[in-house]
């Protein structure tokens, strides 16, 4: 079942059509982690999840898979690869990050933002 992404909380893993980093005109359905929701500007910030190995210090390998709904293990959250979408977009919920994983992902995301090392995509 698909629901408006604005109904999901931080740490929820959803499936979304995400643009390729190399060619933004191409998209792929992939998991993403909901990081924040701003009703005033009607957008939701998502972080990319991939099965590729970590590439930067902002990549985090999910430690606790139970309840994530992810197909591939290991899965990596790219905490500096941000995708902003409309908060009315309907997405499929896969699961949730554990509290431990969410804390680490949040810290890496904030660090990437503060260092201005975020790659940003908009729908």
PDB file of N, CA and C in Angstrom:
ATOM      1  N   UNK A   1       0.833  -1.181   0.000  1.00  0.00           N
ATOM      2  CA  UNK A   1       0.000   0.000   0.000  1.00  0.00           C
ATOM      3  C   UNK A   1       0.878   1.245   0.000  1.00  0.00           C
ATOM      4  N   UNK A   2       0.523   2.206  -0.808  1.00  0.00           N
ATOM      5  CA  UNK A   2       1.257   3.458  -0.873  1.00  0.00           C
ATOM      6  C   UNK A   2       0.511   4.527  -0.087  1.00  0.00           C
ATOM      7  N   UNK A   3       1.279   5.327   0.651  1.00  0.00           N
ATOM      8  CA  UNK A   3       0.725   6.408   1.453  1.00  0.00           C
ATOM      9  C   UNK A   3       1.516   7.685   1.187  1.00  0.00           C
ATOM     10  N   UNK A   4       0.923   8.862   1.480  1.00  0.00           N
ATOM     11  CA  UNK A   4       1.695  10.094   1.335  1.00  0.00           C
ATOM     12  C   UNK A   4       2.940  10.040   2.224  1.00  0.00           C
ATOM     13  N   UNK A   5       4.074  10.401   1.663  1.00  0.00           N
ATOM     14  CA  UNK A   5       5.333  10.306   2.395  1.00  0.00           C
ATOM     15  C   UNK A   5       5.313  11.179   3.651  1.00  0.00           C
ATOM     16  N   UNK A   6       4.477  12.190   3.699  1.00  0.00           N
ATOM     17  CA  UNK A   6       4.390  13.058   4.881  1.00  0.00           C
ATOM     18  C   UNK A   6       3.884  12.315   6.114  1.00  0.00           C
ATOM     19  N   UNK A   7       3.300  11.129   5.929  1.00  0.00           N
ATOM     20  CA  UNK A   7       2.811  10.347   7.073  1.00  0.00           C
ATOM     21  C   UNK A   7       3.918   9.538   7.740  1.00  0.00           C
ATOM     22  N   UNK A   8       5.078   9.455   7.110  1.00  0.00           N
ATOM     23  CA  UNK A   8       6.170   8.648   7.650  1.00  0.00           C
ATOM     24  C   UNK A   8       7.084   9.484   8.533  1.00  0.00           C
ATOM     25  N   UNK A   9       7.665   8.852   9.543  1.00  0.00           N
ATOM     26  CA  UNK A   9       8.554   9.543  10.470  1.00  0.00           C
ATOM     27  C   UNK A   9      10.012   9.368  10.068  1.00  0.00           C
ATOM     28  N   UNK A  10      10.877  10.137  10.707  1.00  0.00           N
ATOM     29  CA  UNK A  10      12.310  10.038  10.459  1.00  0.00           C
ATOM     30  C   UNK A  10      12.769   8.603  10.709  1.00  0.00           C
ATOM     31  N   UNK A  11      13.548   8.059   9.774  1.00  0.00           N
ATOM     32  CA  UNK A  11      14.050   6.697   9.904  1.00  0.00           C
ATOM     33  C   UNK A  11      13.223   5.661   9.167  1.00  0.00           C
ATOM     34  N   UNK A  12      12.075   6.077   8.612  1.00  0.00           N
ATOM     35  CA  UNK A  12      11.259   5.161   7.826  1.00  0.00           C
ATOM     36  C   UNK A  12      11.964   4.896   6.494  1.00  0.00           C
ATOM     37  N   UNK A  13      11.978   3.645   6.071  1.00  0.00           N
ATOM     38  CA  UNK A  13      12.557   3.288   4.785  1.00  0.00           C
ATOM     39  C   UNK A  13      11.416   3.122   3.792  1.00  0.00           C
ATOM     40  N   UNK A  14      11.507   3.847   2.679  1.00  0.00           N
ATOM     41  CA  UNK A  14      10.474   3.830   1.639  1.00  0.00           C
ATOM     42  C   UNK A  14      11.117   3.461   0.308  1.00  0.00           C
ATOM     43  N   UNK A  15      10.288   3.067  -0.659  1.00  0.00           N
ATOM     44  CA  UNK A  15      10.772   2.824  -2.020  1.00  0.00           C
ATOM     45  C   UNK A  15      10.376   4.030  -2.865  1.00  0.00           C
ATOM     46  N   UNK A  16      11.365   4.575  -3.605  1.00  0.00           N
ATOM     47  CA  UNK A  16      11.153   5.800  -4.365  1.00  0.00           C
ATOM     48  C   UNK A  16      11.908   5.709  -5.692  1.00  0.00           C
ATOM     49  N   UNK A  17      11.427   6.445  -6.687  1.00  0.00           N
ATOM     50  CA  UNK A  17      12.149   6.560  -7.951  1.00  0.00           C
ATOM     51  C   UNK A  17      13.237   7.608  -7.744  1.00  0.00           C
ATOM     52  N   UNK A  18      14.467   7.150  -7.685  1.00  0.00           N
ATOM     53  CA  UNK A  18      15.613   7.988  -7.329  1.00  0.00           C
ATOM     54  C   UNK A  18      16.489   8.201  -8.563  1.00  0.00           C
ATOM     55  N   UNK A  19      16.949   9.442  -8.824  1.00  0.00           N
ATOM     56  CA  UNK A  19      17.803   9.677  -9.997  1.00  0.00           C
ATOM     57  C   UNK A  19      19.202   9.089  -9.809  1.00  0.00           C
ATOM     58  N   UNK A  20      19.816   8.667 -10.901  1.00  0.00           N
ATOM     59  CA  UNK A  20      21.189   8.188 -10.870  1.00  0.00           C
ATOM     60  C   UNK A  20      22.114   9.371 -10.593  1.00  0.00           C
ATOM     61  N   UNK A  21      23.197   9.136  -9.853  1.00  0.00           N
ATOM     62  CA  UNK A  21      24.156  10.199  -9.577  1.00  0.00           C
ATOM     63  C   UNK A  21      24.879  10.622 -10.856  1.00  0.00           C
ATOM     64  N   UNK A  22      25.204   9.654 -11.696  1.00  0.00           N
ATOM     65  CA  UNK A  22      25.985   9.927 -12.898  1.00  0.00           C
ATOM     66  C   UNK A  22      25.150  10.582 -13.996  1.00  0.00           C
ATOM     67  N   UNK A  23      23.882  10.211 -14.092  1.00  0.00           N
ATOM     68  CA  UNK A  23      23.002  10.721 -15.149  1.00  0.00           C
ATOM     69  C   UNK A  23      21.632  10.989 -14.535  1.00  0.00           C
ATOM     70  N   UNK A  24      21.392  12.232 -14.185  1.00  0.00           N
ATOM     71  CA  UNK A  24      20.171  12.614 -13.460  1.00  0.00           C
ATOM     72  C   UNK A  24      18.895  12.406 -14.268  1.00  0.00           C
ATOM     73  N   UNK A  25      19.022  12.171 -15.581  1.00  0.00           N
ATOM     74  CA  UNK A  25      17.837  11.938 -16.398  1.00  0.00           C
ATOM     75  C   UNK A  25      17.335  10.498 -16.252  1.00  0.00           C
ATOM     76  N   UNK A  26      18.162   9.612 -15.703  1.00  0.00           N
ATOM     77  CA  UNK A  26      17.773   8.218 -15.486  1.00  0.00           C
ATOM     78  C   UNK A  26      17.357   8.031 -14.030  1.00  0.00           C
ATOM     79  N   UNK A  27      16.355   7.169 -13.832  1.00  0.00           N
ATOM     80  CA  UNK A  27      15.885   6.905 -12.468  1.00  0.00           C
ATOM     81  C   UNK A  27      15.852   5.406 -12.203  1.00  0.00           C
ATOM     82  N   UNK A  28      15.850   5.068 -10.928  1.00  0.00           N
ATOM     83  CA  UNK A  28      15.770   3.674 -10.508  1.00  0.00           C
ATOM     84  C   UNK A  28      14.946   3.625  -9.231  1.00  0.00           C
ATOM     85  N   UNK A  29      14.040   2.629  -9.135  1.00  0.00           N
ATOM     86  CA  UNK A  29      13.309   2.437  -7.883  1.00  0.00           C
ATOM     87  C   UNK A  29      14.282   1.853  -6.871  1.00  0.00           C
ATOM     88  N   UNK A  30      14.412   2.538  -5.744  1.00  0.00           N
ATOM     89  CA  UNK A  30      15.346   2.089  -4.724  1.00  0.00           C
ATOM     90  C   UNK A  30      14.851   2.523  -3.347  1.00  0.00           C
ATOM     91  N   UNK A  31      15.380   1.894  -2.325  1.00  0.00           N
ATOM     92  CA  UNK A  31      15.015   2.324  -0.979  1.00  0.00           C
ATOM     93  C   UNK A  31      15.661   3.666  -0.634  1.00  0.00           C
ATOM     94  N   UNK A  32      15.010   4.390   0.249  1.00  0.00           N
ATOM     95  CA  UNK A  32      15.538   5.653   0.755  1.00  0.00           C
ATOM     96  C   UNK A  32      15.054   5.820   2.190  1.00  0.00           C
ATOM     97  N   UNK A  33      15.809   6.565   2.974  1.00  0.00           N
ATOM     98  CA  UNK A  33      15.469   6.811   4.375  1.00  0.00           C
ATOM     99  C   UNK A  33      14.892   8.210   4.505  1.00  0.00           C
ATOM    100  N   UNK A  34      13.720   8.327   5.122  1.00  0.00           N
ATOM    101  CA  UNK A  34      13.111   9.631   5.392  1.00  0.00           C
ATOM    102  C   UNK A  34      13.919  10.301   6.503  1.00  0.00           C
ATOM    103  N   UNK A  35      14.398  11.526   6.225  1.00  0.00           N
ATOM    104  CA  UNK A  35      15.186  12.251   7.231  1.00  0.00           C
ATOM    105  C   UNK A  35      14.433  13.423   7.841  1.00  0.00           C
ATOM    106  N   UNK A  36      13.691  14.150   7.046  1.00  0.00           N
ATOM    107  CA  UNK A  36      12.958  15.281   7.609  1.00  0.00           C
ATOM    108  C   UNK A  36      11.768  15.625   6.731  1.00  0.00           C
ATOM    109  N   UNK A  37      10.840  16.326   7.347  1.00  0.00           N
ATOM    110  CA  UNK A  37       9.607  16.727   6.671  1.00  0.00           C
ATOM    111  C   UNK A  37       9.328  18.167   7.057  1.00  0.00           C
ATOM    112  N   UNK A  38       9.064  18.997   6.078  1.00  0.00           N
ATOM    113  CA  UNK A  38       8.766  20.396   6.334  1.00  0.00           C
ATOM    114  C   UNK A  38       7.450  20.747   5.667  1.00  0.00           C
ATOM    115  N   UNK A  39       6.395  20.824   6.451  1.00  0.00           N
ATOM    116  CA  UNK A  39       5.070  21.075   5.888  1.00  0.00           C
ATOM    117  C   UNK A  39       4.933  22.480   5.312  1.00  0.00           C
ATOM    118  N   UNK A  40       5.747  23.420   5.789  1.00  0.00           N
ATOM    119  CA  UNK A  40       5.647  24.797   5.312  1.00  0.00           C
ATOM    120  C   UNK A  40       6.135  24.949   3.874  1.00  0.00           C
ATOM    121  N   UNK A  41       7.130  24.166   3.490  1.00  0.00           N
ATOM    122  CA  UNK A  41       7.627  24.249   2.117  1.00  0.00           C
ATOM    123  C   UNK A  41       7.321  22.968   1.343  1.00  0.00           C
ATOM    124  N   UNK A  42       6.505  22.140   1.934  1.00  0.00           N
ATOM    125  CA  UNK A  42       5.974  20.918   1.317  1.00  0.00           C
ATOM    126  C   UNK A  42       7.035  20.049   0.652  1.00  0.00           C
ATOM    127  N   UNK A  43       8.067  19.691   1.413  1.00  0.00           N
ATOM    128  CA  UNK A  43       9.040  18.746   0.885  1.00  0.00           C
ATOM    129  C   UNK A  43       9.499  17.764   1.960  1.00  0.00           C
ATOM    130  N   UNK A  44      10.026  16.652   1.496  1.00  0.00           N
ATOM    131  CA  UNK A  44      10.560  15.617   2.373  1.00  0.00           C
ATOM    132  C   UNK A  44      11.980  15.323   1.916  1.00  0.00           C
ATOM    133  N   UNK A  45      12.901  15.221   2.866  1.00  0.00           N
ATOM    134  CA  UNK A  45      14.294  14.909   2.554  1.00  0.00           C
ATOM    135  C   UNK A  45      14.511  13.409   2.748  1.00  0.00           C
ATOM    136  N   UNK A  46      15.055  12.768   1.701  1.00  0.00           N
ATOM    137  CA  UNK A  46      15.343  11.337   1.720  1.00  0.00           C
ATOM    138  C   UNK A  46      16.834  11.120   1.520  1.00  0.00           C
ATOM    139  N   UNK A  47      17.362  10.033   2.083  1.00  0.00           N
ATOM    140  CA  UNK A  47      18.747   9.627   1.852  1.00  0.00           C
ATOM    141  C   UNK A  47      18.754   8.327   1.071  1.00  0.00           C
ATOM    142  N   UNK A  48      19.640   8.229   0.120  1.00  0.00           N
ATOM    143  CA  UNK A  48      19.768   7.067  -0.764  1.00  0.00           C
ATOM    144  C   UNK A  48      20.268   5.837   0.004  1.00  0.00           C
ATOM    145  N   UNK A  49      19.687   4.676  -0.315  1.00  0.00           N
ATOM    146  CA  UNK A  49      20.150   3.388   0.201  1.00  0.00           C
ATOM    147  C   UNK A  49      20.601   2.563  -0.993  1.00  0.00           C
ATOM    148  N   UNK A  50      21.762   1.923  -0.887  1.00  0.00           N
ATOM    149  CA  UNK A  50      22.324   1.152  -1.982  1.00  0.00           C
ATOM    150  C   UNK A  50      22.952  -0.138  -1.467  1.00  0.00           C
ATOM    151  N   UNK A  51      23.151  -1.096  -2.357  1.00  0.00           N
ATOM    152  CA  UNK A  51      23.845  -2.327  -1.986  1.00  0.00           C
ATOM    153  C   UNK A  51      25.328  -2.246  -2.338  1.00  0.00           C
ATOM    154  N   UNK A  52      25.766  -1.116  -2.924  1.00  0.00           N
ATOM    155  CA  UNK A  52      27.180  -0.931  -3.251  1.00  0.00           C
ATOM    156  C   UNK A  52      27.984  -0.679  -1.977  1.00  0.00           C
ATOM    157  N   UNK A  53      29.251  -0.981  -2.041  1.00  0.00           N
ATOM    158  CA  UNK A  53      30.149  -0.780  -0.901  1.00  0.00           C
ATOM    159  C   UNK A  53      30.272   0.704  -0.560  1.00  0.00           C
ATOM    160  N   UNK A  54      30.577   1.010   0.706  1.00  0.00           N
ATOM    161  CA  UNK A  54      30.789   2.412   1.080  1.00  0.00           C
ATOM    162  C   UNK A  54      31.886   3.058   0.236  1.00  0.00           C
ATOM    163  N   UNK A  55      31.678   4.335  -0.119  1.00  0.00           N
ATOM    164  CA  UNK A  55      32.637   5.076  -0.948  1.00  0.00           C
ATOM    165  C   UNK A  55      33.260   6.251  -0.212  1.00  0.00           C
ATOM    166  N   UNK A  56      32.506   6.813   0.727  1.00  0.00           N
ATOM    167  CA  UNK A  56      32.987   7.988   1.455  1.00  0.00           C
ATOM    168  C   UNK A  56      32.781   7.777   2.947  1.00  0.00           C
ATOM    169  N   UNK A  57      33.290   8.705   3.726  1.00  0.00           N
ATOM    170  CA  UNK A  57      33.118   8.620   5.186  1.00  0.00           C
ATOM    171  C   UNK A  57      31.678   8.914   5.597  1.00  0.00           C
ATOM    172  N   UNK A  58      30.851   9.358   4.657  1.00  0.00           N
ATOM    173  CA  UNK A  58      29.436   9.623   4.941  1.00  0.00           C
ATOM    174  C   UNK A  58      28.547   8.425   4.621  1.00  0.00           C
ATOM    175  N   UNK A  59      29.120   7.336   4.175  1.00  0.00           N
ATOM    176  CA  UNK A  59      28.360   6.116   3.880  1.00  0.00           C
ATOM    177  C   UNK A  59      28.324   5.236   5.121  1.00  0.00           C
ATOM    178  N   UNK A  60      27.129   4.757   5.446  1.00  0.00           N
ATOM    179  CA  UNK A  60      26.936   3.956   6.656  1.00  0.00           C
ATOM    180  C   UNK A  60      26.309   2.615   6.299  1.00  0.00           C
ATOM    181  N   UNK A  61      26.970   1.540   6.684  1.00  0.00           N
ATOM    182  CA  UNK A  61      26.434   0.194   6.472  1.00  0.00           C
ATOM    183  C   UNK A  61      25.446  -0.121   7.586  1.00  0.00           C
ATOM    184  N   UNK A  62      24.204  -0.412   7.220  1.00  0.00           N
ATOM    185  CA  UNK A  62      23.160  -0.710   8.203  1.00  0.00           C
ATOM    186  C   UNK A  62      23.556  -1.952   8.998  1.00  0.00           C
ATOM    187  N   UNK A  63      23.517  -1.839  10.307  1.00  0.00           N
ATOM    188  CA  UNK A  63      23.948  -2.911  11.194  1.00  0.00           C
ATOM    189  C   UNK A  63      22.804  -3.851  11.585  1.00  0.00           C
ATOM    190  N   UNK A  64      21.638  -3.281  11.817  1.00  0.00           N
ATOM    191  CA  UNK A  64      20.499  -4.057  12.300  1.00  0.00           C
ATOM    192  C   UNK A  64      19.415  -4.116  11.216  1.00  0.00           C
ATOM    193  N   UNK A  65      19.288  -5.286  10.566  1.00  0.00           N
ATOM    194  CA  UNK A  65      18.365  -5.438   9.438  1.00  0.00           C
ATOM    195  C   UNK A  65      16.937  -5.749   9.833  1.00  0.00           C
ATOM    196  N   UNK A  66      16.735  -6.282  10.984  1.00  0.00           N
ATOM    197  CA  UNK A  66      15.395  -6.680  11.393  1.00  0.00           C
ATOM    198  C   UNK A  66      14.448  -5.484  11.326  1.00  0.00           C
ATOM    199  N   UNK A  67      13.375  -5.641  10.582  1.00  0.00           N
ATOM    200  CA  UNK A  67      12.371  -4.592  10.468  1.00  0.00           C
ATOM    201  C   UNK A  67      12.642  -3.551   9.403  1.00  0.00           C
ATOM    202  N   UNK A  68      13.761  -3.668   8.669  1.00  0.00           N
ATOM    203  CA  UNK A  68      14.064  -2.649   7.655  1.00  0.00           C
ATOM    204  C   UNK A  68      13.294  -2.874   6.365  1.00  0.00           C
ATOM    205  N   UNK A  69      12.968  -4.131   6.052  1.00  0.00           N
ATOM    206  CA  UNK A  69      12.284  -4.435   4.802  1.00  0.00           C
ATOM    207  C   UNK A  69      13.193  -4.396   3.592  1.00  0.00           C
ATOM    208  N   UNK A  70      14.499  -4.312   3.813  1.00  0.00           N
ATOM    209  CA  UNK A  70      15.452  -4.258   2.702  1.00  0.00           C
ATOM    210  C   UNK A  70      15.732  -5.648   2.169  1.00  0.00           C
ATOM    211  N   UNK A  71      15.839  -5.746   0.825  1.00  0.00           N
ATOM    212  CA  UNK A  71      16.074  -7.028   0.163  1.00  0.00           C
ATOM    213  C   UNK A  71      17.533  -7.455   0.220  1.00  0.00           C
ATOM    214  N   UNK A  72      18.421  -6.488   0.070  1.00  0.00           N
ATOM    215  CA  UNK A  72      19.839  -6.816  -0.077  1.00  0.00           C
ATOM    216  C   UNK A  72      20.628  -6.476   1.181  1.00  0.00           C
ATOM    217  N   UNK A  73      21.470  -7.418   1.573  1.00  0.00           N
ATOM    218  CA  UNK A  73      22.362  -7.200   2.698  1.00  0.00           C
ATOM    219  C   UNK A  73      23.778  -7.429   2.224  1.00  0.00           C
ATOM    220  N   UNK A  74      24.738  -6.619   2.546  1.00  0.00           N
ATOM    221  CA  UNK A  74      24.565  -5.397   3.329  1.00  0.00           C
ATOM    222  C   UNK A  74      23.992  -4.251   2.484  1.00  0.00           C
ATOM    223  N   UNK A  75      23.364  -3.332   3.164  1.00  0.00           N
ATOM    224  CA  UNK A  75      22.848  -2.121   2.518  1.00  0.00           C
ATOM    225  C   UNK A  75      23.525  -0.917   3.159  1.00  0.00           C
ATOM    226  N   UNK A  76      23.784   0.081   2.335  1.00  0.00           N
ATOM    227  CA  UNK A  76      24.517   1.268   2.764  1.00  0.00           C
ATOM    228  C   UNK A  76      23.646   2.502   2.573  1.00  0.00           C
ATOM    229  N   UNK A  77      23.589   3.352   3.598  1.00  0.00           N
ATOM    230  CA  UNK A  77      22.905   4.636   3.495  1.00  0.00           C
ATOM    231  C   UNK A  77      23.955   5.675   3.124  1.00  0.00           C
ATOM    232  N   UNK A  78      23.721   6.363   2.021  1.00  0.00           N
ATOM    233  CA  UNK A  78      24.628   7.436   1.595  1.00  0.00           C
ATOM    234  C   UNK A  78      24.112   8.731   2.240  1.00  0.00           C
ATOM    235  N   UNK A  79      24.707   9.081   3.376  1.00  0.00           N
ATOM    236  CA  UNK A  79      24.196  10.181   4.199  1.00  0.00           C
ATOM    237  C   UNK A  79      24.461  11.561   3.609  1.00  0.00           C
ATOM    238  N   UNK A  80      25.201  11.622   2.521  1.00  0.00           N
ATOM    239  CA  UNK A  80      25.417  12.902   1.845  1.00  0.00           C
ATOM    240  C   UNK A  80      24.761  12.938   0.465  1.00  0.00           C
ATOM    241  N   UNK A  81      23.890  11.987   0.198  1.00  0.00           N
ATOM    242  CA  UNK A  81      23.178  11.916  -1.081  1.00  0.00           C
ATOM    243  C   UNK A  81      21.692  12.152  -0.799  1.00  0.00           C
ATOM    244  N   UNK A  82      21.290  13.411  -0.891  1.00  0.00           N
ATOM    245  CA  UNK A  82      19.967  13.865  -0.465  1.00  0.00           C
ATOM    246  C   UNK A  82      19.041  14.021  -1.661  1.00  0.00           C
ATOM    247  N   UNK A  83      17.817  13.562  -1.488  1.00  0.00           N
ATOM    248  CA  UNK A  83      16.782  13.690  -2.511  1.00  0.00           C
ATOM    249  C   UNK A  83      15.577  14.345  -1.866  1.00  0.00           C
ATOM    250  N   UNK A  84      15.106  15.434  -2.432  1.00  0.00           N
ATOM    251  CA  UNK A  84      13.953  16.154  -1.902  1.00  0.00           C
ATOM    252  C   UNK A  84      12.760  15.916  -2.812  1.00  0.00           C
ATOM    253  N   UNK A  85      11.643  15.511  -2.217  1.00  0.00           N
ATOM    254  CA  UNK A  85      10.422  15.257  -2.985  1.00  0.00           C
ATOM    255  C   UNK A  85       9.251  15.986  -2.339  1.00  0.00           C
ATOM    256  N   UNK A  86       8.150  16.045  -3.047  1.00  0.00           N
ATOM    257  CA  UNK A  86       6.926  16.649  -2.523  1.00  0.00           C
ATOM    258  C   UNK A  86       6.393  15.797  -1.379  1.00  0.00           C
ATOM    259  N   UNK A  87       5.858  16.446  -0.354  1.00  0.00           N
ATOM    260  CA  UNK A  87       5.324  15.690   0.779  1.00  0.00           C
ATOM    261  C   UNK A  87       3.988  15.019   0.466  1.00  0.00           C
ATOM    262  N   UNK A  88       3.455  15.225  -0.724  1.00  0.00           N
ATOM    263  CA  UNK A  88       2.201  14.581  -1.104  1.00  0.00           C
ATOM    264  C   UNK A  88       2.425  13.323  -1.952  1.00  0.00           C
ATOM    265  N   UNK A  89       3.685  13.064  -2.309  1.00  0.00           N
ATOM    266  CA  UNK A  89       3.980  11.895  -3.134  1.00  0.00           C
ATOM    267  C   UNK A  89       3.657  10.613  -2.369  1.00  0.00           C
ATOM    268  N   UNK A  90       2.998   9.672  -3.043  1.00  0.00           N
ATOM    269  CA  UNK A  90       2.649   8.401  -2.411  1.00  0.00           C
ATOM    270  C   UNK A  90       3.777   7.394  -2.605  1.00  0.00           C
ATOM    271  N   UNK A  91       4.239   6.819  -1.493  1.00  0.00           N
ATOM    272  CA  UNK A  91       5.352   5.872  -1.525  1.00  0.00           C
ATOM    273  C   UNK A  91       5.016   4.630  -0.719  1.00  0.00           C
ATOM    274  N   UNK A  92       5.710   3.553  -1.061  1.00  0.00           N
ATOM    275  CA  UNK A  92       5.561   2.291  -0.347  1.00  0.00           C
ATOM    276  C   UNK A  92       6.532   2.260   0.827  1.00  0.00           C
ATOM    277  N   UNK A  93       6.017   1.971   2.009  1.00  0.00           N
ATOM    278  CA  UNK A  93       6.866   1.820   3.189  1.00  0.00           C
ATOM    279  C   UNK A  93       7.452   0.419   3.192  1.00  0.00           C
ATOM    280  N   UNK A  94       8.778   0.323   3.402  1.00  0.00           N
ATOM    281  CA  UNK A  94       9.442  -0.974   3.501  1.00  0.00           C
ATOM    282  C   UNK A  94       9.658  -1.376   4.955  1.00  0.00           C
ATOM    283  N   UNK A  95      10.019  -0.427   5.786  1.00  0.00           N
ATOM    284  CA  UNK A  95      10.300  -0.720   7.195  1.00  0.00           C
ATOM    285  C   UNK A  95      10.894   0.500   7.865  1.00  0.00           C
ATOM    286  N   UNK A  96      11.684   0.256   8.920  1.00  0.00           N
ATOM    287  CA  UNK A  96      12.295   1.342   9.686  1.00  0.00           C
ATOM    288  C   UNK A  96      13.721   0.977  10.071  1.00  0.00           C
ATOM    289  N   UNK A  97      14.574   2.003  10.156  1.00  0.00           N
ATOM    290  CA  UNK A  97      15.899   1.803  10.719  1.00  0.00           C
ATOM    291  C   UNK A  97      15.761   1.573  12.215  1.00  0.00           C
ATOM    292  N   UNK A  98      16.676   0.811  12.780  1.00  0.00           N
ATOM    293  CA  UNK A  98      16.697   0.663  14.236  1.00  0.00           C
ATOM    294  C   UNK A  98      17.108   2.000  14.844  1.00  0.00           C
ATOM    295  N   UNK A  99      16.861   2.166  16.125  1.00  0.00           N
ATOM    296  CA  UNK A  99      17.237   3.412  16.815  1.00  0.00           C
ATOM    297  C   UNK A  99      18.749   3.646  16.710  1.00  0.00           C
ATOM    298  N   UNK A 100      19.522   2.595  16.891  1.00  0.00           N
ATOM    299  CA  UNK A 100      20.986   2.696  16.823  1.00  0.00           C
ATOM    300  C   UNK A 100      21.433   3.156  15.434  1.00  0.00           C
ATOM    301  N   UNK A 101      20.904   2.523  14.391  1.00  0.00           N
ATOM    302  CA  UNK A 101      21.262   2.908  13.029  1.00  0.00           C
ATOM    303  C   UNK A 101      20.804   4.326  12.713  1.00  0.00           C
ATOM    304  N   UNK A 102      19.605   4.703  13.148  1.00  0.00           N
ATOM    305  CA  UNK A 102      19.084   6.040  12.879  1.00  0.00           C
ATOM    306  C   UNK A 102      19.951   7.118  13.524  1.00  0.00           C
ATOM    307  N   UNK A 103      20.418   6.875  14.730  1.00  0.00           N
ATOM    308  CA  UNK A 103      21.284   7.855  15.410  1.00  0.00           C
ATOM    309  C   UNK A 103      22.551   8.093  14.604  1.00  0.00           C
ATOM    310  N   UNK A 104      23.184   7.016  14.149  1.00  0.00           N
ATOM    311  CA  UNK A 104      24.416   7.155  13.374  1.00  0.00           C
ATOM    312  C   UNK A 104      24.162   7.830  12.034  1.00  0.00           C
ATOM    313  N   UNK A 105      23.100   7.436  11.343  1.00  0.00           N
ATOM    314  CA  UNK A 105      22.753   8.045  10.057  1.00  0.00           C
ATOM    315  C   UNK A 105      22.484   9.540  10.241  1.00  0.00           C
ATOM    316  N   UNK A 106      21.763   9.908  11.273  1.00  0.00           N
ATOM    317  CA  UNK A 106      21.454  11.312  11.541  1.00  0.00           C
ATOM    318  C   UNK A 106      22.730  12.115  11.790  1.00  0.00           C
ATOM    319  N   UNK A 107      23.643  11.565  12.570  1.00  0.00           N
ATOM    320  CA  UNK A 107      24.909  12.253  12.844  1.00  0.00           C
ATOM    321  C   UNK A 107      25.727  12.455  11.565  1.00  0.00           C
ATOM    322  N   UNK A 108      25.811  11.415  10.738  1.00  0.00           N
ATOM    323  CA  UNK A 108      26.555  11.530   9.481  1.00  0.00           C
ATOM    324  C   UNK A 108      25.890  12.526   8.525  1.00  0.00           C
ATOM    325  N   UNK A 109      24.571  12.518   8.484  1.00  0.00           N
ATOM    326  CA  UNK A 109      23.817  13.452   7.642  1.00  0.00           C
ATOM    327  C   UNK A 109      24.090  14.900   8.079  1.00  0.00           C
ATOM    328  N   UNK A 110      24.018  15.139   9.378  1.00  0.00           N
ATOM    329  CA  UNK A 110      24.267  16.494   9.895  1.00  0.00           C
ATOM    330  C   UNK A 110      25.709  16.925   9.648  1.00  0.00           C
ATOM    331  N   UNK A 111      26.643  15.985   9.778  1.00  0.00           N
ATOM    332  CA  UNK A 111      28.038  16.294   9.513  1.00  0.00           C
ATOM    333  C   UNK A 111      28.230  16.671   8.040  1.00  0.00           C
ATOM    334  N   UNK A 112      27.627  15.916   7.142  1.00  0.00           N
ATOM    335  CA  UNK A 112      27.723  16.214   5.713  1.00  0.00           C
ATOM    336  C   UNK A 112      27.136  17.597   5.407  1.00  0.00           C
ATOM    337  N   UNK A 113      26.008  17.925   6.033  1.00  0.00           N
ATOM    338  CA  UNK A 113      25.397  19.244   5.842  1.00  0.00           C
ATOM    339  C   UNK A 113      26.317  20.356   6.343  1.00  0.00           C
ATOM    340  N   UNK A 114      26.875  20.175   7.535  1.00  0.00           N
ATOM    341  CA  UNK A 114      27.723  21.214   8.121  1.00  0.00           C
ATOM    342  C   UNK A 114      29.013  21.412   7.325  1.00  0.00           C
ATOM    343  N   UNK A 115      29.502  20.343   6.703  1.00  0.00           N
ATOM    344  CA  UNK A 115      30.724  20.426   5.894  1.00  0.00           C
ATOM    345  C   UNK A 115      30.423  20.825   4.446  1.00  0.00           C
ATOM    346  N   UNK A 116      29.126  21.021   4.160  1.00  0.00           N
ATOM    347  CA  UNK A 116      28.673  21.371   2.799  1.00  0.00           C
ATOM    348  C   UNK A 116      29.145  20.349   1.767  1.00  0.00           C
ATOM    349  N   UNK A 117      29.048  19.075   2.136  1.00  0.00           N
ATOM    350  CA  UNK A 117      29.450  17.991   1.259  1.00  0.00           C
ATOM    351  C   UNK A 117      28.255  17.120   0.881  1.00  0.00           C
ATOM    352  N   UNK A 118      27.136  17.775   0.611  1.00  0.00           N
ATOM    353  CA  UNK A 118      25.894  17.074   0.275  1.00  0.00           C
ATOM    354  C   UNK A 118      25.622  17.199  -1.209  1.00  0.00           C
ATOM    355  N   UNK A 119      25.317  16.063  -1.830  1.00  0.00           N
ATOM    356  CA  UNK A 119      24.861  16.065  -3.217  1.00  0.00           C
ATOM    357  C   UNK A 119      23.343  16.054  -3.166  1.00  0.00           C
ATOM    358  N   UNK A 120      22.709  17.041  -3.784  1.00  0.00           N
ATOM    359  CA  UNK A 120      21.276  17.254  -3.623  1.00  0.00           C
ATOM    360  C   UNK A 120      20.540  17.090  -4.947  1.00  0.00           C
ATOM    361  N   UNK A 121      19.461  16.294  -4.908  1.00  0.00           N
ATOM    362  CA  UNK A 121      18.586  16.086  -6.065  1.00  0.00           C
ATOM    363  C   UNK A 121      17.192  16.526  -5.679  1.00  0.00           C
ATOM    364  N   UNK A 122      16.432  17.050  -6.620  1.00  0.00           N
ATOM    365  CA  UNK A 122      15.025  17.401  -6.381  1.00  0.00           C
ATOM    366  C   UNK A 122      14.170  16.720  -7.417  1.00  0.00           C
ATOM    367  N   UNK A 123      12.951  16.356  -7.002  1.00  0.00           N
ATOM    368  CA  UNK A 123      12.028  15.733  -7.958  1.00  0.00           C
ATOM    369  C   UNK A 123      11.323  16.778  -8.768  1.00  0.00           C
TER     370      UNK A 123
END
